[in-house]
Amino acid sequence: MALLLVSASVLLLGAYLHAADDERDETRPDRTVETLAAVTLSVEYDLEGVDPVDERDGNYTRTDYGSATGLLADAAVTNLHIDGEQILPYANDFEDAVDASTASALLGANREFYVVAEWEPYEGAAINGTATAGERPPPNEDISSRTLSASSDRPAVEEADLSTESDESDDVLETAGEAIGAAIIEGYFPPESTQRTLESQGLSRELTVYHYERLVAPLEYEFDEETNSDDESPLNRSEADALEANDHVLYGSDSQSESDSGASGLADWIASDLETAFADELEAIDETHGDDSERDEAITVLLADEVSTDDVTITVQTWQP
């Protein structure tokens, strides 16, 4: 009887310790997430590869401050790609700086980590950005994972913004392309601060003009090509107009003919990309909704569930080294 009681006690103790280990394993990613959200980092990155900087002598760097999760979200948005083409060449250096600072913040932890920050304004978008920190986990490790959201500093797109009732267009994808594109552009070029920069002199203004030109490059036209040297261009300091410049990005320049794909601005480009990204869902809606208004409403509801211009998804993985 005594032996049986001892054996039972050992089994119970082992079960308790195993449960405690499991509980600790469950909290480890949460602790890493808490650390990343709480710690404040300073990152310095080089603007090498940017045309206005490369034309100058010397090194040009920028410094950013914020929480690790906030900076990872910023790095994802900065690392913007359109159809696989990177828009800002210094995005890699910024991501590396955030990676190094994040690793320093977690130095001494008894768990390895890997963080992926992903900005995707809608599911399957060909316009997106990603940033990582840490090393990819080995394939055979026991991985614990947590996911959280961080702000992209881009406006949210509401269901009402996607509805054709709020727009003169009778095409729901065109309306959605305009609403999503406007939110993206406002995030990269906030009108008030961009206006002040365009009216200023020096490198900051040149960088802003460069950012405009880089953003439209994958859309198959040059920014206001015929007025680049004209005093009436919204990017020229004497006639600076951030709202007009943003409209040029969104709708395309009147001086430009449409490309073969029909995309003359970001709004049309996104409308076309939405058609590709949601091809299966749109086909199913077409088959089940014969009435145009019902079809448009179903598409609006679909897109409202999938559009998240304001969020960056951050996935934290941890494992025992």
C-alpha atoms as a PDB file:
ATOM      1  CA  MET A   1       0.000   0.000   0.000  1.00  0.00           C
ATOM      2  CA  ALA A   2       2.836   2.383   0.910  1.00  0.00           C
ATOM      3  CA  LEU A   3       4.553   1.684  -2.425  1.00  0.00           C
ATOM      4  CA  LEU A   4       1.308   2.316  -4.275  1.00  0.00           C
ATOM      5  CA  LEU A   5       0.830   5.641  -2.480  1.00  0.00           C
ATOM      6  CA  VAL A   6       4.404   6.702  -3.233  1.00  0.00           C
ATOM      7  CA  SER A   7       4.006   5.746  -6.903  1.00  0.00           C
ATOM      8  CA  ALA A   8       0.740   7.657  -7.130  1.00  0.00           C
ATOM      9  CA  SER A   9       2.365  10.712  -5.532  1.00  0.00           C
ATOM     10  CA  VAL A  10       5.217  10.611  -8.033  1.00  0.00           C
ATOM     11  CA  LEU A  11       2.755  10.395 -10.925  1.00  0.00           C
ATOM     12  CA  LEU A  12       0.715  13.305  -9.579  1.00  0.00           C
ATOM     13  CA  LEU A  13       3.845  15.386  -9.019  1.00  0.00           C
ATOM     14  CA  GLY A  14       5.046  14.630 -12.540  1.00  0.00           C
ATOM     15  CA  ALA A  15       1.666  15.546 -13.993  1.00  0.00           C
ATOM     16  CA  TYR A  16       1.677  18.824 -12.037  1.00  0.00           C
ATOM     17  CA  LEU A  17       5.170  19.773 -13.198  1.00  0.00           C
ATOM     18  CA  HIS A  18       4.282  18.902 -16.795  1.00  0.00           C
ATOM     19  CA  ALA A  19       1.160  21.061 -16.560  1.00  0.00           C
ATOM     20  CA  ALA A  20       3.212  23.880 -15.042  1.00  0.00           C
ATOM     21  CA  ASP A  21       5.743  23.640 -17.881  1.00  0.00           C
ATOM     22  CA  ASP A  22       2.913  23.760 -20.407  1.00  0.00           C
ATOM     23  CA  GLU A  23       1.505  26.819 -18.664  1.00  0.00           C
ATOM     24  CA  ARG A  24       4.899  28.540 -18.725  1.00  0.00           C
ATOM     25  CA  ASP A  25       5.311  27.649 -22.407  1.00  0.00           C
ATOM     26  CA  GLU A  26       1.945  29.259 -23.100  1.00  0.00           C
ATOM     27  CA  THR A  27       2.973  32.506 -21.400  1.00  0.00           C
ATOM     28  CA  ARG A  28       6.432  32.839 -22.946  1.00  0.00           C
ATOM     29  CA  PRO A  29       5.248  34.274 -26.296  1.00  0.00           C
ATOM     30  CA  ASP A  30       2.921  36.578 -24.355  1.00  0.00           C
ATOM     31  CA  ARG A  31       5.871  37.850 -22.315  1.00  0.00           C
ATOM     32  CA  THR A  32       7.827  38.459 -25.505  1.00  0.00           C
ATOM     33  CA  VAL A  33       4.857  40.353 -26.957  1.00  0.00           C
ATOM     34  CA  GLU A  34       4.574  42.431 -23.769  1.00  0.00           C
ATOM     35  CA  THR A  35       8.274  43.268 -23.950  1.00  0.00           C
ATOM     36  CA  LEU A  36       8.068  44.265 -27.606  1.00  0.00           C
ATOM     37  CA  ALA A  37       5.075  46.504 -26.916  1.00  0.00           C
ATOM     38  CA  ALA A  38       6.602  48.127 -23.820  1.00  0.00           C
ATOM     39  CA  VAL A  39      10.250  48.664 -24.719  1.00  0.00           C
ATOM     40  CA  THR A  40      11.202  51.931 -26.477  1.00  0.00           C
ATOM     41  CA  LEU A  41      13.817  51.674 -29.189  1.00  0.00           C
ATOM     42  CA  SER A  42      15.934  54.131 -31.152  1.00  0.00           C
ATOM     43  CA  VAL A  43      16.945  53.089 -34.664  1.00  0.00           C
ATOM     44  CA  GLU A  44      19.292  54.825 -37.082  1.00  0.00           C
ATOM     45  CA  TYR A  45      19.231  53.980 -40.777  1.00  0.00           C
ATOM     46  CA  ASP A  46      20.985  55.127 -43.929  1.00  0.00           C
ATOM     47  CA  LEU A  47      19.250  56.780 -46.907  1.00  0.00           C
ATOM     48  CA  GLU A  48      21.737  55.279 -49.348  1.00  0.00           C
ATOM     49  CA  GLY A  49      20.248  54.493 -52.739  1.00  0.00           C
ATOM     50  CA  VAL A  50      17.895  57.491 -52.781  1.00  0.00           C
ATOM     51  CA  ASP A  51      18.597  59.736 -55.771  1.00  0.00           C
ATOM     52  CA  PRO A  52      18.583  63.121 -53.935  1.00  0.00           C
ATOM     53  CA  VAL A  53      20.992  61.700 -51.327  1.00  0.00           C
ATOM     54  CA  ASP A  54      23.321  59.967 -53.789  1.00  0.00           C
ATOM     55  CA  GLU A  55      23.817  63.296 -55.554  1.00  0.00           C
ATOM     56  CA  ARG A  56      25.328  64.750 -52.348  1.00  0.00           C
ATOM     57  CA  ASP A  57      28.626  64.141 -50.612  1.00  0.00           C
ATOM     58  CA  GLY A  58      28.615  62.600 -47.152  1.00  0.00           C
ATOM     59  CA  ASN A  59      26.431  60.162 -45.259  1.00  0.00           C
ATOM     60  CA  TYR A  60      22.772  60.859 -44.668  1.00  0.00           C
ATOM     61  CA  THR A  61      20.978  59.029 -41.869  1.00  0.00           C
ATOM     62  CA  ARG A  62      17.631  59.240 -40.127  1.00  0.00           C
ATOM     63  CA  THR A  63      16.692  58.280 -36.562  1.00  0.00           C
ATOM     64  CA  ASP A  64      13.294  56.952 -35.457  1.00  0.00           C
ATOM     65  CA  TYR A  65      11.956  56.233 -31.983  1.00  0.00           C
ATOM     66  CA  GLY A  66       9.106  54.063 -30.749  1.00  0.00           C
ATOM     67  CA  SER A  67       8.049  50.744 -29.316  1.00  0.00           C
ATOM     68  CA  ALA A  68       9.454  47.628 -30.949  1.00  0.00           C
ATOM     69  CA  THR A  69       6.024  46.665 -32.284  1.00  0.00           C
ATOM     70  CA  GLY A  70       5.448  50.197 -33.562  1.00  0.00           C
ATOM     71  CA  LEU A  71       8.793  50.297 -35.352  1.00  0.00           C
ATOM     72  CA  LEU A  72       8.227  46.839 -36.834  1.00  0.00           C
ATOM     73  CA  ALA A  73       4.903  48.090 -38.190  1.00  0.00           C
ATOM     74  CA  ASP A  74       6.644  51.192 -39.588  1.00  0.00           C
ATOM     75  CA  ALA A  75       9.286  48.981 -41.207  1.00  0.00           C
ATOM     76  CA  ALA A  76       6.609  46.843 -42.868  1.00  0.00           C
ATOM     77  CA  VAL A  77       4.841  49.904 -44.300  1.00  0.00           C
ATOM     78  CA  THR A  78       8.155  51.474 -45.384  1.00  0.00           C
ATOM     79  CA  ASN A  79       9.079  48.269 -47.194  1.00  0.00           C
ATOM     80  CA  LEU A  80       6.267  48.886 -49.677  1.00  0.00           C
ATOM     81  CA  HIS A  81       6.128  46.660 -52.754  1.00  0.00           C
ATOM     82  CA  ILE A  82       3.837  47.042 -55.736  1.00  0.00           C
ATOM     83  CA  ASP A  83       3.661  43.981 -57.969  1.00  0.00           C
ATOM     84  CA  GLY A  84       6.837  42.759 -56.285  1.00  0.00           C
ATOM     85  CA  GLU A  85       8.774  45.981 -56.982  1.00  0.00           C
ATOM     86  CA  GLN A  86      10.279  47.674 -53.933  1.00  0.00           C
ATOM     87  CA  ILE A  87       9.388  51.367 -53.818  1.00  0.00           C
ATOM     88  CA  LEU A  88      11.890  52.802 -51.308  1.00  0.00           C
ATOM     89  CA  PRO A  89      15.492  51.538 -51.542  1.00  0.00           C
ATOM     90  CA  TYR A  90      16.346  52.460 -47.940  1.00  0.00           C
ATOM     91  CA  ALA A  91      13.580  50.189 -46.575  1.00  0.00           C
ATOM     92  CA  ASN A  92      16.015  47.284 -46.176  1.00  0.00           C
ATOM     93  CA  ASP A  93      18.401  49.353 -44.055  1.00  0.00           C
ATOM     94  CA  PHE A  94      15.525  50.540 -41.887  1.00  0.00           C
ATOM     95  CA  GLU A  95      14.321  46.951 -41.425  1.00  0.00           C
ATOM     96  CA  ASP A  96      17.855  45.812 -40.494  1.00  0.00           C
ATOM     97  CA  ALA A  97      18.121  48.606 -37.915  1.00  0.00           C
ATOM     98  CA  VAL A  98      14.786  47.627 -36.342  1.00  0.00           C
ATOM     99  CA  ASP A  99      15.862  43.976 -36.348  1.00  0.00           C
ATOM    100  CA  ALA A 100      19.125  44.763 -34.544  1.00  0.00           C
ATOM    101  CA  SER A 101      17.440  46.978 -31.938  1.00  0.00           C
ATOM    102  CA  THR A 102      14.723  44.397 -31.308  1.00  0.00           C
ATOM    103  CA  ALA A 103      17.352  41.689 -30.762  1.00  0.00           C
ATOM    104  CA  SER A 104      19.122  43.965 -28.256  1.00  0.00           C
ATOM    105  CA  ALA A 105      15.863  44.525 -26.377  1.00  0.00           C
ATOM    106  CA  LEU A 106      15.366  40.768 -26.008  1.00  0.00           C
ATOM    107  CA  LEU A 107      19.003  40.035 -25.187  1.00  0.00           C
ATOM    108  CA  GLY A 108      19.289  37.599 -22.286  1.00  0.00           C
ATOM    109  CA  ALA A 109      15.876  36.016 -22.806  1.00  0.00           C
ATOM    110  CA  ASN A 110      15.841  32.248 -22.448  1.00  0.00           C
ATOM    111  CA  ARG A 111      13.837  31.842 -25.639  1.00  0.00           C
ATOM    112  CA  GLU A 112      14.734  32.423 -29.282  1.00  0.00           C
ATOM    113  CA  PHE A 113      12.315  34.592 -31.257  1.00  0.00           C
ATOM    114  CA  TYR A 114      11.198  35.425 -34.773  1.00  0.00           C
ATOM    115  CA  VAL A 115       8.810  38.281 -35.575  1.00  0.00           C
ATOM    116  CA  VAL A 116       7.019  38.937 -38.856  1.00  0.00           C
ATOM    117  CA  ALA A 117       5.148  42.213 -39.432  1.00  0.00           C
ATOM    118  CA  GLU A 118       2.869  42.218 -42.491  1.00  0.00           C
ATOM    119  CA  TRP A 119       0.915  45.109 -43.967  1.00  0.00           C
ATOM    120  CA  GLU A 120      -1.623  44.029 -46.563  1.00  0.00           C
ATOM    121  CA  PRO A 121      -4.418  46.542 -47.235  1.00  0.00           C
ATOM    122  CA  TYR A 122      -6.657  43.671 -48.347  1.00  0.00           C
ATOM    123  CA  GLU A 123      -6.332  39.916 -48.599  1.00  0.00           C
ATOM    124  CA  GLY A 124      -4.070  38.858 -51.471  1.00  0.00           C
ATOM    125  CA  ALA A 125      -3.083  42.439 -52.344  1.00  0.00           C
ATOM    126  CA  ALA A 126      -0.225  42.948 -54.800  1.00  0.00           C
ATOM    127  CA  ILE A 127       0.541  46.147 -52.888  1.00  0.00           C
ATOM    128  CA  ASN A 128       1.988  45.219 -49.485  1.00  0.00           C
ATOM    129  CA  GLY A 129       4.937  45.397 -47.104  1.00  0.00           C
ATOM    130  CA  THR A 130       6.739  42.998 -44.752  1.00  0.00           C
ATOM    131  CA  ALA A 131       9.435  43.322 -42.096  1.00  0.00           C
ATOM    132  CA  THR A 132      11.056  40.682 -39.899  1.00  0.00           C
ATOM    133  CA  ALA A 133      13.209  40.511 -36.768  1.00  0.00           C
ATOM    134  CA  GLY A 134      15.135  37.573 -35.370  1.00  0.00           C
ATOM    135  CA  GLU A 135      16.024  34.304 -37.063  1.00  0.00           C
ATOM    136  CA  ARG A 136      13.618  31.865 -38.657  1.00  0.00           C
ATOM    137  CA  PRO A 137      12.892  28.959 -36.308  1.00  0.00           C
ATOM    138  CA  PRO A 138      14.474  25.582 -37.086  1.00  0.00           C
ATOM    139  CA  PRO A 139      11.947  23.260 -38.770  1.00  0.00           C
ATOM    140  CA  ASN A 140      11.905  20.659 -35.966  1.00  0.00           C
ATOM    141  CA  GLU A 141      11.541  22.985 -32.979  1.00  0.00           C
ATOM    142  CA  ASP A 142       8.468  23.187 -30.751  1.00  0.00           C
ATOM    143  CA  ILE A 143       7.193  26.648 -31.658  1.00  0.00           C
ATOM    144  CA  SER A 144       4.869  28.843 -29.609  1.00  0.00           C
ATOM    145  CA  SER A 145       3.165  31.637 -31.516  1.00  0.00           C
ATOM    146  CA  ARG A 146       1.141  34.775 -30.816  1.00  0.00           C
ATOM    147  CA  THR A 147      -0.428  37.285 -33.202  1.00  0.00           C
ATOM    148  CA  LEU A 148      -1.290  40.920 -32.526  1.00  0.00           C
ATOM    149  CA  SER A 149      -2.208  44.025 -34.506  1.00  0.00           C
ATOM    150  CA  ALA A 150      -0.377  47.343 -34.671  1.00  0.00           C
ATOM    151  CA  SER A 151      -1.336  50.592 -36.340  1.00  0.00           C
ATOM    152  CA  SER A 152      -0.141  51.203 -39.889  1.00  0.00           C
ATOM    153  CA  ASP A 153      -0.767  54.971 -39.510  1.00  0.00           C
ATOM    154  CA  ARG A 154      -3.054  54.728 -42.529  1.00  0.00           C
ATOM    155  CA  PRO A 155      -6.764  55.605 -42.297  1.00  0.00           C
ATOM    156  CA  ALA A 156      -9.278  52.790 -42.000  1.00  0.00           C
ATOM    157  CA  VAL A 157     -11.644  52.164 -44.911  1.00  0.00           C
ATOM    158  CA  GLU A 158     -15.221  51.725 -43.717  1.00  0.00           C
ATOM    159  CA  GLU A 159     -17.966  49.745 -45.430  1.00  0.00           C
ATOM    160  CA  ALA A 160     -19.754  52.983 -46.321  1.00  0.00           C
ATOM    161  CA  ASP A 161     -16.623  54.144 -48.194  1.00  0.00           C
ATOM    162  CA  LEU A 162     -16.778  51.019 -50.371  1.00  0.00           C
ATOM    163  CA  SER A 163     -20.420  51.343 -51.331  1.00  0.00           C
ATOM    164  CA  THR A 164     -21.404  52.774 -54.714  1.00  0.00           C
ATOM    165  CA  GLU A 165     -24.047  54.814 -52.870  1.00  0.00           C
ATOM    166  CA  SER A 166     -21.223  57.068 -51.604  1.00  0.00           C
ATOM    167  CA  ASP A 167     -19.680  57.499 -55.056  1.00  0.00           C
ATOM    168  CA  GLU A 168     -20.807  58.605 -58.496  1.00  0.00           C
ATOM    169  CA  SER A 169     -19.322  55.466 -60.046  1.00  0.00           C
ATOM    170  CA  ASP A 170     -21.685  52.577 -60.684  1.00  0.00           C
ATOM    171  CA  ASP A 171     -18.814  50.051 -60.499  1.00  0.00           C
ATOM    172  CA  VAL A 172     -18.287  48.735 -56.984  1.00  0.00           C
ATOM    173  CA  LEU A 173     -14.649  47.730 -57.637  1.00  0.00           C
ATOM    174  CA  GLU A 174     -13.833  51.193 -58.973  1.00  0.00           C
ATOM    175  CA  THR A 175     -15.391  52.745 -55.871  1.00  0.00           C
ATOM    176  CA  ALA A 176     -13.408  50.377 -53.637  1.00  0.00           C
ATOM    177  CA  GLY A 177     -10.193  51.069 -55.557  1.00  0.00           C
ATOM    178  CA  GLU A 178     -10.681  54.789 -55.038  1.00  0.00           C
ATOM    179  CA  ALA A 179     -11.412  54.453 -51.294  1.00  0.00           C
ATOM    180  CA  ILE A 180      -8.504  52.079 -50.610  1.00  0.00           C
ATOM    181  CA  GLY A 181      -6.101  54.059 -52.783  1.00  0.00           C
ATOM    182  CA  ALA A 182      -7.030  57.327 -51.074  1.00  0.00           C
ATOM    183  CA  ALA A 183      -6.336  55.807 -47.640  1.00  0.00           C
ATOM    184  CA  ILE A 184      -2.957  54.473 -48.762  1.00  0.00           C
ATOM    185  CA  ILE A 185      -1.895  57.773 -50.330  1.00  0.00           C
ATOM    186  CA  GLU A 186      -3.014  59.782 -47.295  1.00  0.00           C
ATOM    187  CA  GLY A 187      -0.865  57.518 -45.145  1.00  0.00           C
ATOM    188  CA  TYR A 188       2.260  58.077 -47.212  1.00  0.00           C
ATOM    189  CA  PHE A 189       1.542  61.744 -47.970  1.00  0.00           C
ATOM    190  CA  PRO A 190      -0.502  63.369 -45.160  1.00  0.00           C
ATOM    191  CA  PRO A 191      -1.754  66.564 -46.865  1.00  0.00           C
ATOM    192  CA  GLU A 192      -0.854  69.120 -44.192  1.00  0.00           C
ATOM    193  CA  SER A 193       2.691  67.984 -43.436  1.00  0.00           C
ATOM    194  CA  THR A 194       3.354  67.164 -47.098  1.00  0.00           C
ATOM    195  CA  GLN A 195       2.210  70.651 -48.115  1.00  0.00           C
ATOM    196  CA  ARG A 196       4.670  72.249 -45.689  1.00  0.00           C
ATOM    197  CA  THR A 197       7.484  70.043 -46.984  1.00  0.00           C
ATOM    198  CA  LEU A 198       6.727  70.789 -50.651  1.00  0.00           C
ATOM    199  CA  GLU A 199       6.831  74.512 -49.872  1.00  0.00           C
ATOM    200  CA  SER A 200      10.198  74.205 -48.114  1.00  0.00           C
ATOM    201  CA  GLN A 201      13.696  73.943 -49.543  1.00  0.00           C
ATOM    202  CA  GLY A 202      16.425  71.366 -49.217  1.00  0.00           C
ATOM    203  CA  LEU A 203      16.650  67.621 -48.878  1.00  0.00           C
ATOM    204  CA  SER A 204      13.296  67.018 -47.176  1.00  0.00           C
ATOM    205  CA  ARG A 205      11.434  68.511 -50.133  1.00  0.00           C
ATOM    206  CA  GLU A 206      13.552  66.582 -52.627  1.00  0.00           C
ATOM    207  CA  LEU A 207      12.888  63.340 -50.741  1.00  0.00           C
ATOM    208  CA  THR A 208       9.136  63.953 -50.798  1.00  0.00           C
ATOM    209  CA  VAL A 209       9.174  64.556 -54.561  1.00  0.00           C
ATOM    210  CA  TYR A 210      11.275  61.414 -54.935  1.00  0.00           C
ATOM    211  CA  HIS A 211       8.717  59.426 -52.906  1.00  0.00           C
ATOM    212  CA  TYR A 212       5.904  60.603 -55.182  1.00  0.00           C
ATOM    213  CA  GLU A 213       7.847  59.605 -58.280  1.00  0.00           C
ATOM    214  CA  ARG A 214       8.771  56.197 -56.845  1.00  0.00           C
ATOM    215  CA  LEU A 215       5.186  55.426 -55.836  1.00  0.00           C
ATOM    216  CA  VAL A 216       3.777  55.906 -59.324  1.00  0.00           C
ATOM    217  CA  ALA A 217       6.652  54.178 -61.136  1.00  0.00           C
ATOM    218  CA  PRO A 218       5.085  50.667 -61.028  1.00  0.00           C
ATOM    219  CA  LEU A 219       1.790  52.128 -62.285  1.00  0.00           C
ATOM    220  CA  GLU A 220       3.394  52.531 -65.720  1.00  0.00           C
ATOM    221  CA  TYR A 221       3.467  56.299 -65.956  1.00  0.00           C
ATOM    222  CA  GLU A 222       5.761  59.053 -64.761  1.00  0.00           C
ATOM    223  CA  PHE A 223       4.414  61.613 -62.333  1.00  0.00           C
ATOM    224  CA  ASP A 224       2.994  64.442 -64.396  1.00  0.00           C
ATOM    225  CA  GLU A 225       5.679  63.925 -67.041  1.00  0.00           C
ATOM    226  CA  GLU A 226       4.759  66.931 -69.187  1.00  0.00           C
ATOM    227  CA  THR A 227       4.752  69.370 -66.274  1.00  0.00           C
ATOM    228  CA  ASN A 228       7.815  68.222 -64.330  1.00  0.00           C
ATOM    229  CA  SER A 229       9.667  71.303 -65.533  1.00  0.00           C
ATOM    230  CA  ASP A 230       6.559  73.506 -65.641  1.00  0.00           C
ATOM    231  CA  ASP A 231       5.793  76.039 -62.908  1.00  0.00           C
ATOM    232  CA  GLU A 232       2.239  74.667 -62.632  1.00  0.00           C
ATOM    233  CA  SER A 233       3.274  71.211 -61.423  1.00  0.00           C
ATOM    234  CA  PRO A 234       1.899  70.496 -57.914  1.00  0.00           C
ATOM    235  CA  LEU A 235       5.352  69.237 -56.944  1.00  0.00           C
ATOM    236  CA  ASN A 236       7.094  72.499 -57.805  1.00  0.00           C
ATOM    237  CA  ARG A 237       7.741  74.672 -54.774  1.00  0.00           C
ATOM    238  CA  SER A 238       6.174  77.819 -56.218  1.00  0.00           C
ATOM    239  CA  GLU A 239       2.920  76.004 -57.039  1.00  0.00           C
ATOM    240  CA  ALA A 240       3.066  73.280 -54.389  1.00  0.00           C
ATOM    241  CA  ASP A 241      -0.276  71.552 -53.829  1.00  0.00           C
ATOM    242  CA  ALA A 242      -0.235  68.321 -51.835  1.00  0.00           C
ATOM    243  CA  LEU A 243      -3.935  67.617 -52.389  1.00  0.00           C
ATOM    244  CA  GLU A 244      -3.558  67.953 -56.148  1.00  0.00           C
ATOM    245  CA  ALA A 245      -0.391  65.847 -56.097  1.00  0.00           C
ATOM    246  CA  ASN A 246      -2.251  63.131 -54.183  1.00  0.00           C
ATOM    247  CA  ASP A 247      -5.064  63.263 -56.745  1.00  0.00           C
ATOM    248  CA  HIS A 248      -2.506  62.756 -59.504  1.00  0.00           C
ATOM    249  CA  VAL A 249      -1.312  59.594 -57.790  1.00  0.00           C
ATOM    250  CA  LEU A 250      -4.856  58.369 -57.179  1.00  0.00           C
ATOM    251  CA  TYR A 251      -6.395  59.134 -60.555  1.00  0.00           C
ATOM    252  CA  GLY A 252      -3.375  59.558 -62.845  1.00  0.00           C
ATOM    253  CA  SER A 253      -2.230  62.607 -64.729  1.00  0.00           C
ATOM    254  CA  ASP A 254      -4.488  64.087 -67.384  1.00  0.00           C
ATOM    255  CA  SER A 255      -1.390  64.528 -69.520  1.00  0.00           C
ATOM    256  CA  GLN A 256      -0.774  60.768 -69.543  1.00  0.00           C
ATOM    257  CA  SER A 257      -2.471  58.235 -71.757  1.00  0.00           C
ATOM    258  CA  GLU A 258      -3.721  55.109 -70.037  1.00  0.00           C
ATOM    259  CA  SER A 259      -1.446  52.076 -70.007  1.00  0.00           C
ATOM    260  CA  ASP A 260      -2.262  48.872 -71.840  1.00  0.00           C
ATOM    261  CA  SER A 261      -3.753  47.493 -68.602  1.00  0.00           C
ATOM    262  CA  GLY A 262      -6.055  50.500 -68.331  1.00  0.00           C
ATOM    263  CA  ALA A 263      -4.555  51.585 -65.002  1.00  0.00           C
ATOM    264  CA  SER A 264      -3.933  55.339 -65.122  1.00  0.00           C
ATOM    265  CA  GLY A 265      -3.664  55.812 -61.366  1.00  0.00           C
ATOM    266  CA  LEU A 266      -3.617  53.918 -58.098  1.00  0.00           C
ATOM    267  CA  ALA A 267      -7.423  53.788 -57.896  1.00  0.00           C
ATOM    268  CA  ASP A 268      -7.759  51.959 -61.221  1.00  0.00           C
ATOM    269  CA  TRP A 269      -4.733  49.800 -60.447  1.00  0.00           C
ATOM    270  CA  ILE A 270      -6.261  48.653 -57.138  1.00  0.00           C
ATOM    271  CA  ALA A 271      -9.651  48.043 -58.766  1.00  0.00           C
ATOM    272  CA  SER A 272      -7.923  45.714 -61.236  1.00  0.00           C
ATOM    273  CA  ASP A 273      -5.953  44.039 -58.437  1.00  0.00           C
ATOM    274  CA  LEU A 274      -9.129  43.495 -56.400  1.00  0.00           C
ATOM    275  CA  GLU A 275     -10.631  41.694 -59.360  1.00  0.00           C
ATOM    276  CA  THR A 276      -7.604  39.369 -59.406  1.00  0.00           C
ATOM    277  CA  ALA A 277      -7.302  38.921 -55.634  1.00  0.00           C
ATOM    278  CA  PHE A 278     -10.972  38.005 -55.202  1.00  0.00           C
ATOM    279  CA  ALA A 279     -11.593  36.271 -58.526  1.00  0.00           C
ATOM    280  CA  ASP A 280     -13.129  33.146 -56.981  1.00  0.00           C
ATOM    281  CA  GLU A 281     -15.340  35.066 -54.564  1.00  0.00           C
ATOM    282  CA  LEU A 282     -16.531  37.457 -57.277  1.00  0.00           C
ATOM    283  CA  GLU A 283     -17.367  34.546 -59.565  1.00  0.00           C
ATOM    284  CA  ALA A 284     -19.422  32.932 -56.804  1.00  0.00           C
ATOM    285  CA  ILE A 285     -21.263  36.210 -56.180  1.00  0.00           C
ATOM    286  CA  ASP A 286     -22.019  36.572 -59.890  1.00  0.00           C
ATOM    287  CA  GLU A 287     -23.495  33.079 -59.926  1.00  0.00           C
ATOM    288  CA  THR A 288     -25.739  33.647 -56.923  1.00  0.00           C
ATOM    289  CA  HIS A 289     -26.798  37.279 -57.379  1.00  0.00           C
ATOM    290  CA  GLY A 290     -28.541  38.097 -60.625  1.00  0.00           C
ATOM    291  CA  ASP A 291     -29.658  41.547 -59.547  1.00  0.00           C
ATOM    292  CA  ASP A 292     -26.946  44.229 -59.940  1.00  0.00           C
ATOM    293  CA  SER A 293     -27.748  45.987 -56.672  1.00  0.00           C
ATOM    294  CA  GLU A 294     -27.668  42.714 -54.712  1.00  0.00           C
ATOM    295  CA  ARG A 295     -24.395  41.808 -56.414  1.00  0.00           C
ATOM    296  CA  ASP A 296     -22.825  45.159 -55.540  1.00  0.00           C
ATOM    297  CA  GLU A 297     -23.999  44.885 -51.942  1.00  0.00           C
ATOM    298  CA  ALA A 298     -22.535  41.381 -51.640  1.00  0.00           C
ATOM    299  CA  ILE A 299     -19.196  42.585 -53.026  1.00  0.00           C
ATOM    300  CA  THR A 300     -19.206  45.558 -50.651  1.00  0.00           C
ATOM    301  CA  VAL A 301     -19.769  43.251 -47.668  1.00  0.00           C
ATOM    302  CA  LEU A 302     -17.013  40.928 -48.903  1.00  0.00           C
ATOM    303  CA  LEU A 303     -14.481  43.732 -49.253  1.00  0.00           C
ATOM    304  CA  ALA A 304     -15.453  45.328 -45.938  1.00  0.00           C
ATOM    305  CA  ASP A 305     -14.457  42.079 -44.220  1.00  0.00           C
ATOM    306  CA  GLU A 306     -11.141  41.854 -46.070  1.00  0.00           C
ATOM    307  CA  VAL A 307      -9.887  45.461 -46.212  1.00  0.00           C
ATOM    308  CA  SER A 308      -7.584  46.492 -43.354  1.00  0.00           C
ATOM    309  CA  THR A 309      -5.535  49.471 -44.493  1.00  0.00           C
ATOM    310  CA  ASP A 310      -5.085  50.630 -40.877  1.00  0.00           C
ATOM    311  CA  ASP A 311      -3.631  47.415 -39.435  1.00  0.00           C
ATOM    312  CA  VAL A 312      -0.271  45.658 -39.487  1.00  0.00           C
ATOM    313  CA  THR A 313      -0.387  42.016 -38.394  1.00  0.00           C
ATOM    314  CA  ILE A 314       2.554  41.031 -36.194  1.00  0.00           C
ATOM    315  CA  THR A 315       3.274  37.343 -35.546  1.00  0.00           C
ATOM    316  CA  VAL A 316       5.692  36.465 -32.728  1.00  0.00           C
ATOM    317  CA  GLN A 317       7.217  32.968 -32.606  1.00  0.00           C
ATOM    318  CA  THR A 318       9.353  31.707 -29.718  1.00  0.00           C
ATOM    319  CA  TRP A 319      11.124  28.444 -28.937  1.00  0.00           C
ATOM    320  CA  GLN A 320      13.642  27.003 -26.511  1.00  0.00           C
ATOM    321  CA  PRO A 321      17.243  27.231 -27.808  1.00  0.00           C
END
